[in-house]
């Protein structure tokens, strides 16, 4: 017959194995697309924002540098929003292969 401490110990062990990282759901997306979204897209949008900001500043006839900075900031904020939306749209694949650090 098990003592009360042994039962508590078994319950704690069972809870820890149920909450192990292997059982958590992970998102699976195309890694090339994810890398593009995280690293290349923000740079492209900032460059485009600076270019468009400079063009707008030149068209209005005011300080070009101010509009370039504002365009870059707006484009960067837009890229952060796009990345957040992309992250939320990533689906969870239950059949994905789990790779552990020990397997490498």
PDB file of N, CA and C in Angstrom:
ATOM      1  N   UNK A   1       0.841  -1.175   0.000  1.00  0.00           N
ATOM      2  CA  UNK A   1       0.000   0.000   0.000  1.00  0.00           C
ATOM      3  C   UNK A   1       0.891   1.245   0.000  1.00  0.00           C
ATOM      4  N   UNK A   2       0.496   2.238  -0.792  1.00  0.00           N
ATOM      5  CA  UNK A   2       1.303   3.441  -0.928  1.00  0.00           C
ATOM      6  C   UNK A   2       0.952   4.437   0.165  1.00  0.00           C
ATOM      7  N   UNK A   3       1.992   5.128   0.581  1.00  0.00           N
ATOM      8  CA  UNK A   3       1.770   6.171   1.579  1.00  0.00           C
ATOM      9  C   UNK A   3       1.260   7.434   0.891  1.00  0.00           C
ATOM     10  N   UNK A   4       0.831   8.376   1.685  1.00  0.00           N
ATOM     11  CA  UNK A   4       0.305   9.638   1.148  1.00  0.00           C
ATOM     12  C   UNK A   4       1.391  10.416   0.400  1.00  0.00           C
ATOM     13  N   UNK A   5       2.614  10.380   0.911  1.00  0.00           N
ATOM     14  CA  UNK A   5       3.720  11.086   0.253  1.00  0.00           C
ATOM     15  C   UNK A   5       4.036  10.472  -1.110  1.00  0.00           C
ATOM     16  N   UNK A   6       3.986   9.167  -1.216  1.00  0.00           N
ATOM     17  CA  UNK A   6       4.248   8.515  -2.499  1.00  0.00           C
ATOM     18  C   UNK A   6       3.185   8.881  -3.528  1.00  0.00           C
ATOM     19  N   UNK A   7       1.927   8.969  -3.101  1.00  0.00           N
ATOM     20  CA  UNK A   7       0.852   9.355  -4.014  1.00  0.00           C
ATOM     21  C   UNK A   7       1.044  10.787  -4.505  1.00  0.00           C
ATOM     22  N   UNK A   8       1.409  11.674  -3.594  1.00  0.00           N
ATOM     23  CA  UNK A   8       1.650  13.069  -3.975  1.00  0.00           C
ATOM     24  C   UNK A   8       2.826  13.156  -4.942  1.00  0.00           C
ATOM     25  N   UNK A   9       3.885  12.400  -4.658  1.00  0.00           N
ATOM     26  CA  UNK A   9       5.063  12.393  -5.517  1.00  0.00           C
ATOM     27  C   UNK A   9       4.705  11.906  -6.923  1.00  0.00           C
ATOM     28  N   UNK A  10       3.922  10.844  -7.024  1.00  0.00           N
ATOM     29  CA  UNK A  10       3.512  10.328  -8.330  1.00  0.00           C
ATOM     30  C   UNK A  10       2.649  11.341  -9.083  1.00  0.00           C
ATOM     31  N   UNK A  11       1.773  12.029  -8.369  1.00  0.00           N
ATOM     32  CA  UNK A  11       0.938  13.048  -9.010  1.00  0.00           C
ATOM     33  C   UNK A  11       1.788  14.180  -9.575  1.00  0.00           C
ATOM     34  N   UNK A  12       2.800  14.604  -8.827  1.00  0.00           N
ATOM     35  CA  UNK A  12       3.683  15.676  -9.294  1.00  0.00           C
ATOM     36  C   UNK A  12       4.448  15.223 -10.529  1.00  0.00           C
ATOM     37  N   UNK A  13       4.962  14.015 -10.519  1.00  0.00           N
ATOM     38  CA  UNK A  13       5.708  13.480 -11.664  1.00  0.00           C
ATOM     39  C   UNK A  13       4.797  13.373 -12.890  1.00  0.00           C
ATOM     40  N   UNK A  14       3.587  12.891 -12.703  1.00  0.00           N
ATOM     41  CA  UNK A  14       2.655  12.756 -13.828  1.00  0.00           C
ATOM     42  C   UNK A  14       2.291  14.111 -14.414  1.00  0.00           C
ATOM     43  N   UNK A  15       2.112  15.114 -13.574  1.00  0.00           N
ATOM     44  CA  UNK A  15       1.789  16.453 -14.071  1.00  0.00           C
ATOM     45  C   UNK A  15       2.947  17.030 -14.869  1.00  0.00           C
ATOM     46  N   UNK A  16       4.173  16.801 -14.410  1.00  0.00           N
ATOM     47  CA  UNK A  16       5.333  17.331 -15.129  1.00  0.00           C
ATOM     48  C   UNK A  16       5.487  16.661 -16.487  1.00  0.00           C
ATOM     49  N   UNK A  17       5.219  15.361 -16.583  1.00  0.00           N
ATOM     50  CA  UNK A  17       5.344  14.698 -17.876  1.00  0.00           C
ATOM     51  C   UNK A  17       4.231  15.118 -18.818  1.00  0.00           C
ATOM     52  N   UNK A  18       3.048  15.446 -18.282  1.00  0.00           N
ATOM     53  CA  UNK A  18       1.962  15.919 -19.136  1.00  0.00           C
ATOM     54  C   UNK A  18       2.254  17.303 -19.689  1.00  0.00           C
ATOM     55  N   UNK A  19       3.008  18.116 -18.960  1.00  0.00           N
ATOM     56  CA  UNK A  19       3.310  19.477 -19.382  1.00  0.00           C
ATOM     57  C   UNK A  19       4.664  19.587 -20.070  1.00  0.00           C
ATOM     58  N   UNK A  20       5.218  18.473 -20.502  1.00  0.00           N
ATOM     59  CA  UNK A  20       6.541  18.503 -21.113  1.00  0.00           C
ATOM     60  C   UNK A  20       6.496  19.260 -22.440  1.00  0.00           C
ATOM     61  N   UNK A  21       7.624  19.851 -22.846  1.00  0.00           N
ATOM     62  CA  UNK A  21       7.651  20.652 -24.073  1.00  0.00           C
ATOM     63  C   UNK A  21       7.327  19.845 -25.326  1.00  0.00           C
ATOM     64  N   UNK A  22       7.508  18.525 -25.290  1.00  0.00           N
ATOM     65  CA  UNK A  22       7.237  17.721 -26.471  1.00  0.00           C
ATOM     66  C   UNK A  22       5.750  17.717 -26.811  1.00  0.00           C
ATOM     67  N   UNK A  23       4.912  17.909 -25.819  1.00  0.00           N
ATOM     68  CA  UNK A  23       3.478  17.830 -26.052  1.00  0.00           C
ATOM     69  C   UNK A  23       2.857  19.181 -26.375  1.00  0.00           C
ATOM     70  N   UNK A  24       3.619  20.254 -26.291  1.00  0.00           N
ATOM     71  CA  UNK A  24       3.079  21.570 -26.614  1.00  0.00           C
ATOM     72  C   UNK A  24       2.941  21.696 -28.123  1.00  0.00           C
ATOM     73  N   UNK A  25       1.926  22.429 -28.549  1.00  0.00           N
ATOM     74  CA  UNK A  25       1.693  22.611 -29.973  1.00  0.00           C
ATOM     75  C   UNK A  25       2.620  23.695 -30.517  1.00  0.00           C
ATOM     76  N   UNK A  26       3.206  23.419 -31.662  1.00  0.00           N
ATOM     77  CA  UNK A  26       4.093  24.386 -32.296  1.00  0.00           C
ATOM     78  C   UNK A  26       3.540  24.753 -33.663  1.00  0.00           C
ATOM     79  N   UNK A  27       3.931  25.901 -34.133  1.00  0.00           N
ATOM     80  CA  UNK A  27       3.463  26.367 -35.429  1.00  0.00           C
ATOM     81  C   UNK A  27       4.437  25.915 -36.506  1.00  0.00           C
ATOM     82  N   UNK A  28       3.893  25.461 -37.619  1.00  0.00           N
ATOM     83  CA  UNK A  28       4.744  25.034 -38.717  1.00  0.00           C
ATOM     84  C   UNK A  28       4.431  25.892 -39.936  1.00  0.00           C
ATOM     85  N   UNK A  29       5.403  26.593 -40.411  1.00  0.00           N
ATOM     86  CA  UNK A  29       5.260  27.380 -41.629  1.00  0.00           C
ATOM     87  C   UNK A  29       6.472  27.103 -42.502  1.00  0.00           C
ATOM     88  N   UNK A  30       6.405  27.549 -43.707  1.00  0.00           N
ATOM     89  CA  UNK A  30       7.544  27.430 -44.593  1.00  0.00           C
ATOM     90  C   UNK A  30       8.672  28.293 -44.022  1.00  0.00           C
ATOM     91  N   UNK A  31       9.804  27.702 -43.734  1.00  0.00           N
ATOM     92  CA  UNK A  31      10.891  28.421 -43.070  1.00  0.00           C
ATOM     93  C   UNK A  31      11.459  29.531 -43.955  1.00  0.00           C
ATOM     94  N   UNK A  32      11.467  29.327 -45.248  1.00  0.00           N
ATOM     95  CA  UNK A  32      11.968  30.364 -46.150  1.00  0.00           C
ATOM     96  C   UNK A  32      11.050  31.587 -46.125  1.00  0.00           C
ATOM     97  N   UNK A  33       9.748  31.343 -46.135  1.00  0.00           N
ATOM     98  CA  UNK A  33       8.788  32.441 -46.061  1.00  0.00           C
ATOM     99  C   UNK A  33       8.874  33.148 -44.711  1.00  0.00           C
ATOM    100  N   UNK A  34       9.025  32.384 -43.645  1.00  0.00           N
ATOM    101  CA  UNK A  34       9.127  32.985 -42.311  1.00  0.00           C
ATOM    102  C   UNK A  34      10.391  33.838 -42.192  1.00  0.00           C
ATOM    103  N   UNK A  35      11.504  33.356 -42.728  1.00  0.00           N
ATOM    104  CA  UNK A  35      12.748  34.130 -42.683  1.00  0.00           C
ATOM    105  C   UNK A  35      12.618  35.408 -43.509  1.00  0.00           C
ATOM    106  N   UNK A  36      11.965  35.308 -44.654  1.00  0.00           N
ATOM    107  CA  UNK A  36      11.731  36.506 -45.468  1.00  0.00           C
ATOM    108  C   UNK A  36      10.885  37.517 -44.712  1.00  0.00           C
ATOM    109  N   UNK A  37       9.817  37.043 -44.084  1.00  0.00           N
ATOM    110  CA  UNK A  37       8.911  37.943 -43.357  1.00  0.00           C
ATOM    111  C   UNK A  37       9.619  38.615 -42.184  1.00  0.00           C
ATOM    112  N   UNK A  38      10.518  37.912 -41.529  1.00  0.00           N
ATOM    113  CA  UNK A  38      11.166  38.460 -40.336  1.00  0.00           C
ATOM    114  C   UNK A  38      12.332  39.390 -40.660  1.00  0.00           C
ATOM    115  N   UNK A  39      13.072  39.111 -41.711  1.00  0.00           N
ATOM    116  CA  UNK A  39      14.313  39.842 -41.932  1.00  0.00           C
ATOM    117  C   UNK A  39      14.306  40.726 -43.186  1.00  0.00           C
ATOM    118  N   UNK A  40      13.795  40.239 -44.284  1.00  0.00           N
ATOM    119  CA  UNK A  40      13.886  40.970 -45.542  1.00  0.00           C
ATOM    120  C   UNK A  40      12.749  41.976 -45.701  1.00  0.00           C
ATOM    121  N   UNK A  41      11.524  41.577 -45.377  1.00  0.00           N
ATOM    122  CA  UNK A  41      10.370  42.456 -45.562  1.00  0.00           C
ATOM    123  C   UNK A  41      10.496  43.780 -44.810  1.00  0.00           C
ATOM    124  N   UNK A  42      10.895  43.795 -43.529  1.00  0.00           N
ATOM    125  CA  UNK A  42      11.025  45.099 -42.855  1.00  0.00           C
ATOM    126  C   UNK A  42      12.043  46.023 -43.521  1.00  0.00           C
ATOM    127  N   UNK A  43      13.150  45.472 -43.969  1.00  0.00           N
ATOM    128  CA  UNK A  43      14.170  46.295 -44.626  1.00  0.00           C
ATOM    129  C   UNK A  43      13.627  46.868 -45.933  1.00  0.00           C
ATOM    130  N   UNK A  44      12.941  46.022 -46.708  1.00  0.00           N
ATOM    131  CA  UNK A  44      12.374  46.494 -47.969  1.00  0.00           C
ATOM    132  C   UNK A  44      11.323  47.574 -47.733  1.00  0.00           C
ATOM    133  N   UNK A  45      10.474  47.380 -46.737  1.00  0.00           N
ATOM    134  CA  UNK A  45       9.432  48.369 -46.470  1.00  0.00           C
ATOM    135  C   UNK A  45      10.011  49.683 -45.966  1.00  0.00           C
ATOM    136  N   UNK A  46      11.047  49.626 -45.147  1.00  0.00           N
ATOM    137  CA  UNK A  46      11.661  50.866 -44.661  1.00  0.00           C
ATOM    138  C   UNK A  46      12.303  51.628 -45.819  1.00  0.00           C
ATOM    139  N   UNK A  47      13.005  50.933 -46.693  1.00  0.00           N
ATOM    140  CA  UNK A  47      13.612  51.596 -47.858  1.00  0.00           C
ATOM    141  C   UNK A  47      12.525  52.206 -48.742  1.00  0.00           C
ATOM    142  N   UNK A  48      11.447  51.457 -48.969  1.00  0.00           N
ATOM    143  CA  UNK A  48      10.338  51.980 -49.760  1.00  0.00           C
ATOM    144  C   UNK A  48       9.687  53.182 -49.072  1.00  0.00           C
ATOM    145  N   UNK A  49       9.537  53.111 -47.747  1.00  0.00           N
ATOM    146  CA  UNK A  49       8.955  54.228 -47.001  1.00  0.00           C
ATOM    147  C   UNK A  49       9.813  55.475 -47.067  1.00  0.00           C
ATOM    148  N   UNK A  50      11.123  55.305 -46.980  1.00  0.00           N
ATOM    149  CA  UNK A  50      12.036  56.453 -47.086  1.00  0.00           C
ATOM    150  C   UNK A  50      11.955  57.058 -48.486  1.00  0.00           C
ATOM    151  N   UNK A  51      11.925  56.206 -49.495  1.00  0.00           N
ATOM    152  CA  UNK A  51      11.827  56.699 -50.874  1.00  0.00           C
ATOM    153  C   UNK A  51      10.515  57.454 -51.100  1.00  0.00           C
ATOM    154  N   UNK A  52       9.404  56.848 -50.680  1.00  0.00           N
ATOM    155  CA  UNK A  52       8.106  57.511 -50.863  1.00  0.00           C
ATOM    156  C   UNK A  52       7.995  58.778 -50.019  1.00  0.00           C
ATOM    157  N   UNK A  53       8.546  58.749 -48.813  1.00  0.00           N
ATOM    158  CA  UNK A  53       8.537  59.946 -47.973  1.00  0.00           C
ATOM    159  C   UNK A  53       9.319  61.078 -48.601  1.00  0.00           C
ATOM    160  N   UNK A  54      10.463  60.768 -49.180  1.00  0.00           N
ATOM    161  CA  UNK A  54      11.252  61.787 -49.876  1.00  0.00           C
ATOM    162  C   UNK A  54      10.522  62.338 -51.083  1.00  0.00           C
ATOM    163  N   UNK A  55       9.852  61.457 -51.809  1.00  0.00           N
ATOM    164  CA  UNK A  55       9.094  61.898 -52.981  1.00  0.00           C
ATOM    165  C   UNK A  55       7.938  62.808 -52.566  1.00  0.00           C
ATOM    166  N   UNK A  56       7.231  62.428 -51.496  1.00  0.00           N
ATOM    167  CA  UNK A  56       6.118  63.257 -51.012  1.00  0.00           C
ATOM    168  C   UNK A  56       6.635  64.608 -50.510  1.00  0.00           C
ATOM    169  N   UNK A  57       7.745  64.599 -49.773  1.00  0.00           N
ATOM    170  CA  UNK A  57       8.324  65.856 -49.294  1.00  0.00           C
ATOM    171  C   UNK A  57       8.746  66.765 -50.428  1.00  0.00           C
ATOM    172  N   UNK A  58       9.300  66.176 -51.489  1.00  0.00           N
ATOM    173  CA  UNK A  58       9.711  66.960 -52.657  1.00  0.00           C
ATOM    174  C   UNK A  58       8.489  67.502 -53.392  1.00  0.00           C
ATOM    175  N   UNK A  59       7.431  66.692 -53.475  1.00  0.00           N
ATOM    176  CA  UNK A  59       6.211  67.102 -54.165  1.00  0.00           C
ATOM    177  C   UNK A  59       5.518  68.248 -53.434  1.00  0.00           C
ATOM    178  N   UNK A  60       5.495  68.172 -52.092  1.00  0.00           N
ATOM    179  CA  UNK A  60       4.851  69.220 -51.295  1.00  0.00           C
ATOM    180  C   UNK A  60       5.723  70.471 -51.253  1.00  0.00           C
ATOM    181  N   UNK A  61       7.025  70.299 -51.314  1.00  0.00           N
ATOM    182  CA  UNK A  61       7.931  71.440 -51.291  1.00  0.00           C
ATOM    183  C   UNK A  61       8.418  71.779 -49.894  1.00  0.00           C
ATOM    184  N   UNK A  62       8.396  70.813 -48.999  1.00  0.00           N
ATOM    185  CA  UNK A  62       8.887  71.030 -47.633  1.00  0.00           C
ATOM    186  C   UNK A  62      10.150  70.213 -47.417  1.00  0.00           C
ATOM    187  N   UNK A  63      10.520  70.052 -46.175  1.00  0.00           N
ATOM    188  CA  UNK A  63      11.746  69.341 -45.824  1.00  0.00           C
ATOM    189  C   UNK A  63      11.669  67.870 -46.265  1.00  0.00           C
ATOM    190  N   UNK A  64      12.552  67.512 -47.167  1.00  0.00           N
ATOM    191  CA  UNK A  64      12.570  66.141 -47.682  1.00  0.00           C
ATOM    192  C   UNK A  64      13.024  65.170 -46.596  1.00  0.00           C
ATOM    193  N   UNK A  65      14.040  65.562 -45.828  1.00  0.00           N
ATOM    194  CA  UNK A  65      14.594  64.689 -44.791  1.00  0.00           C
ATOM    195  C   UNK A  65      13.532  64.306 -43.754  1.00  0.00           C
ATOM    196  N   UNK A  66      12.694  65.263 -43.353  1.00  0.00           N
ATOM    197  CA  UNK A  66      11.647  64.984 -42.365  1.00  0.00           C
ATOM    198  C   UNK A  66      10.659  63.954 -42.900  1.00  0.00           C
ATOM    199  N   UNK A  67      10.268  64.102 -44.144  1.00  0.00           N
ATOM    200  CA  UNK A  67       9.326  63.153 -44.730  1.00  0.00           C
ATOM    201  C   UNK A  67       9.972  61.788 -44.956  1.00  0.00           C
ATOM    202  N   UNK A  68      11.279  61.754 -45.241  1.00  0.00           N
ATOM    203  CA  UNK A  68      11.965  60.474 -45.372  1.00  0.00           C
ATOM    204  C   UNK A  68      11.968  59.726 -44.043  1.00  0.00           C
ATOM    205  N   UNK A  69      12.252  60.433 -42.963  1.00  0.00           N
ATOM    206  CA  UNK A  69      12.255  59.804 -41.637  1.00  0.00           C
ATOM    207  C   UNK A  69      10.853  59.326 -41.278  1.00  0.00           C
ATOM    208  N   UNK A  70       9.865  60.174 -41.506  1.00  0.00           N
ATOM    209  CA  UNK A  70       8.481  59.796 -41.187  1.00  0.00           C
ATOM    210  C   UNK A  70       8.034  58.602 -42.028  1.00  0.00           C
ATOM    211  N   UNK A  71       8.403  58.590 -43.301  1.00  0.00           N
ATOM    212  CA  UNK A  71       8.050  57.461 -44.165  1.00  0.00           C
ATOM    213  C   UNK A  71       8.698  56.170 -43.711  1.00  0.00           C
ATOM    214  N   UNK A  72       9.962  56.238 -43.281  1.00  0.00           N
ATOM    215  CA  UNK A  72      10.640  55.048 -42.773  1.00  0.00           C
ATOM    216  C   UNK A  72      10.008  54.526 -41.498  1.00  0.00           C
ATOM    217  N   UNK A  73       9.632  55.437 -40.600  1.00  0.00           N
ATOM    218  CA  UNK A  73       9.003  55.024 -39.337  1.00  0.00           C
ATOM    219  C   UNK A  73       7.641  54.391 -39.602  1.00  0.00           C
ATOM    220  N   UNK A  74       6.852  55.010 -40.465  1.00  0.00           N
ATOM    221  CA  UNK A  74       5.531  54.462 -40.791  1.00  0.00           C
ATOM    222  C   UNK A  74       5.665  53.090 -41.451  1.00  0.00           C
ATOM    223  N   UNK A  75       6.625  52.936 -42.345  1.00  0.00           N
ATOM    224  CA  UNK A  75       6.832  51.650 -43.010  1.00  0.00           C
ATOM    225  C   UNK A  75       7.291  50.586 -42.021  1.00  0.00           C
ATOM    226  N   UNK A  76       8.125  50.964 -41.055  1.00  0.00           N
ATOM    227  CA  UNK A  76       8.569  49.997 -40.055  1.00  0.00           C
ATOM    228  C   UNK A  76       7.401  49.539 -39.189  1.00  0.00           C
ATOM    229  N   UNK A  77       6.556  50.466 -38.783  1.00  0.00           N
ATOM    230  CA  UNK A  77       5.377  50.106 -37.987  1.00  0.00           C
ATOM    231  C   UNK A  77       4.453  49.199 -38.799  1.00  0.00           C
ATOM    232  N   UNK A  78       4.306  49.492 -40.079  1.00  0.00           N
ATOM    233  CA  UNK A  78       3.503  48.647 -40.956  1.00  0.00           C
ATOM    234  C   UNK A  78       4.092  47.240 -41.058  1.00  0.00           C
ATOM    235  N   UNK A  79       5.416  47.130 -41.130  1.00  0.00           N
ATOM    236  CA  UNK A  79       6.039  45.808 -41.207  1.00  0.00           C
ATOM    237  C   UNK A  79       5.839  45.020 -39.917  1.00  0.00           C
ATOM    238  N   UNK A  80       5.855  45.694 -38.767  1.00  0.00           N
ATOM    239  CA  UNK A  80       5.600  45.004 -37.497  1.00  0.00           C
ATOM    240  C   UNK A  80       4.172  44.467 -37.471  1.00  0.00           C
ATOM    241  N   UNK A  81       3.223  45.253 -37.953  1.00  0.00           N
ATOM    242  CA  UNK A  81       1.828  44.801 -37.998  1.00  0.00           C
ATOM    243  C   UNK A  81       1.679  43.611 -38.940  1.00  0.00           C
ATOM    244  N   UNK A  82       2.340  43.650 -40.083  1.00  0.00           N
ATOM    245  CA  UNK A  82       2.274  42.538 -41.038  1.00  0.00           C
ATOM    246  C   UNK A  82       2.864  41.275 -40.427  1.00  0.00           C
ATOM    247  N   UNK A  83       3.977  41.400 -39.710  1.00  0.00           N
ATOM    248  CA  UNK A  83       4.594  40.234 -39.072  1.00  0.00           C
ATOM    249  C   UNK A  83       3.670  39.655 -38.012  1.00  0.00           C
ATOM    250  N   UNK A  84       3.020  40.510 -37.223  1.00  0.00           N
ATOM    251  CA  UNK A  84       2.068  40.026 -36.215  1.00  0.00           C
ATOM    252  C   UNK A  84       0.919  39.268 -36.873  1.00  0.00           C
ATOM    253  N   UNK A  85       0.375  39.799 -37.957  1.00  0.00           N
ATOM    254  CA  UNK A  85      -0.712  39.120 -38.659  1.00  0.00           C
ATOM    255  C   UNK A  85      -0.245  37.798 -39.255  1.00  0.00           C
ATOM    256  N   UNK A  86       0.971  37.769 -39.785  1.00  0.00           N
ATOM    257  CA  UNK A  86       1.529  36.536 -40.336  1.00  0.00           C
ATOM    258  C   UNK A  86       1.692  35.485 -39.251  1.00  0.00           C
ATOM    259  N   UNK A  87       2.144  35.904 -38.084  1.00  0.00           N
ATOM    260  CA  UNK A  87       2.332  34.974 -36.979  1.00  0.00           C
ATOM    261  C   UNK A  87       1.002  34.392 -36.513  1.00  0.00           C
ATOM    262  N   UNK A  88      -0.034  35.207 -36.481  1.00  0.00           N
ATOM    263  CA  UNK A  88      -1.345  34.710 -36.060  1.00  0.00           C
ATOM    264  C   UNK A  88      -1.961  33.790 -37.101  1.00  0.00           C
ATOM    265  N   UNK A  89      -1.605  33.961 -38.365  1.00  0.00           N
ATOM    266  CA  UNK A  89      -2.190  33.128 -39.413  1.00  0.00           C
ATOM    267  C   UNK A  89      -1.463  31.794 -39.576  1.00  0.00           C
ATOM    268  N   UNK A  90      -0.332  31.618 -38.917  1.00  0.00           N
ATOM    269  CA  UNK A  90       0.402  30.356 -39.012  1.00  0.00           C
ATOM    270  C   UNK A  90      -0.435  29.253 -38.368  1.00  0.00           C
ATOM    271  N   UNK A  91      -0.509  28.121 -39.040  1.00  0.00           N
ATOM    272  CA  UNK A  91      -1.336  27.021 -38.545  1.00  0.00           C
ATOM    273  C   UNK A  91      -0.511  26.081 -37.682  1.00  0.00           C
ATOM    274  N   UNK A  92      -1.196  25.363 -36.824  1.00  0.00           N
ATOM    275  CA  UNK A  92      -0.540  24.386 -35.961  1.00  0.00           C
ATOM    276  C   UNK A  92      -0.670  23.022 -36.616  1.00  0.00           C
ATOM    277  N   UNK A  93       0.461  22.385 -36.885  1.00  0.00           N
ATOM    278  CA  UNK A  93       0.482  21.080 -37.532  1.00  0.00           C
ATOM    279  C   UNK A  93       0.766  20.018 -36.479  1.00  0.00           C
ATOM    280  N   UNK A  94      -0.204  19.163 -36.236  1.00  0.00           N
ATOM    281  CA  UNK A  94      -0.044  18.135 -35.204  1.00  0.00           C
ATOM    282  C   UNK A  94       0.837  16.979 -35.680  1.00  0.00           C
ATOM    283  N   UNK A  95       1.039  16.846 -36.998  1.00  0.00           N
ATOM    284  CA  UNK A  95       1.836  15.750 -37.541  1.00  0.00           C
ATOM    285  C   UNK A  95       3.289  16.137 -37.795  1.00  0.00           C
ATOM    286  N   UNK A  96       3.687  17.316 -37.373  1.00  0.00           N
ATOM    287  CA  UNK A  96       5.053  17.778 -37.625  1.00  0.00           C
ATOM    288  C   UNK A  96       6.054  16.946 -36.827  1.00  0.00           C
ATOM    289  N   UNK A  97       7.203  16.718 -37.432  1.00  0.00           N
ATOM    290  CA  UNK A  97       8.250  15.956 -36.763  1.00  0.00           C
ATOM    291  C   UNK A  97       8.900  16.823 -35.688  1.00  0.00           C
ATOM    292  N   UNK A  98       9.025  16.256 -34.497  1.00  0.00           N
ATOM    293  CA  UNK A  98       9.638  16.975 -33.387  1.00  0.00           C
ATOM    294  C   UNK A  98      11.120  16.635 -33.371  1.00  0.00           C
ATOM    295  N   UNK A  99      11.958  17.652 -33.397  1.00  0.00           N
ATOM    296  CA  UNK A  99      13.403  17.452 -33.369  1.00  0.00           C
ATOM    297  C   UNK A  99      13.918  17.931 -32.019  1.00  0.00           C
ATOM    298  N   UNK A 100      14.589  17.047 -31.309  1.00  0.00           N
ATOM    299  CA  UNK A 100      15.125  17.376 -29.992  1.00  0.00           C
ATOM    300  C   UNK A 100      16.600  17.715 -30.118  1.00  0.00           C
ATOM    301  N   UNK A 101      17.094  18.496 -29.193  1.00  0.00           N
ATOM    302  CA  UNK A 101      18.488  18.897 -29.198  1.00  0.00           C
ATOM    303  C   UNK A 101      19.405  17.676 -29.083  1.00  0.00           C
ATOM    304  N   UNK A 102      18.989  16.674 -28.330  1.00  0.00           N
ATOM    305  CA  UNK A 102      19.816  15.478 -28.142  1.00  0.00           C
ATOM    306  C   UNK A 102      19.950  14.666 -29.425  1.00  0.00           C
ATOM    307  N   UNK A 103      19.019  14.820 -30.362  1.00  0.00           N
ATOM    308  CA  UNK A 103      19.052  14.051 -31.600  1.00  0.00           C
ATOM    309  C   UNK A 103      20.063  14.589 -32.601  1.00  0.00           C
ATOM    310  N   UNK A 104      20.572  15.777 -32.385  1.00  0.00           N
ATOM    311  CA  UNK A 104      21.475  16.387 -33.361  1.00  0.00           C
ATOM    312  C   UNK A 104      22.887  15.935 -33.165  1.00  0.00           C
TER     313      UNK A 104
END
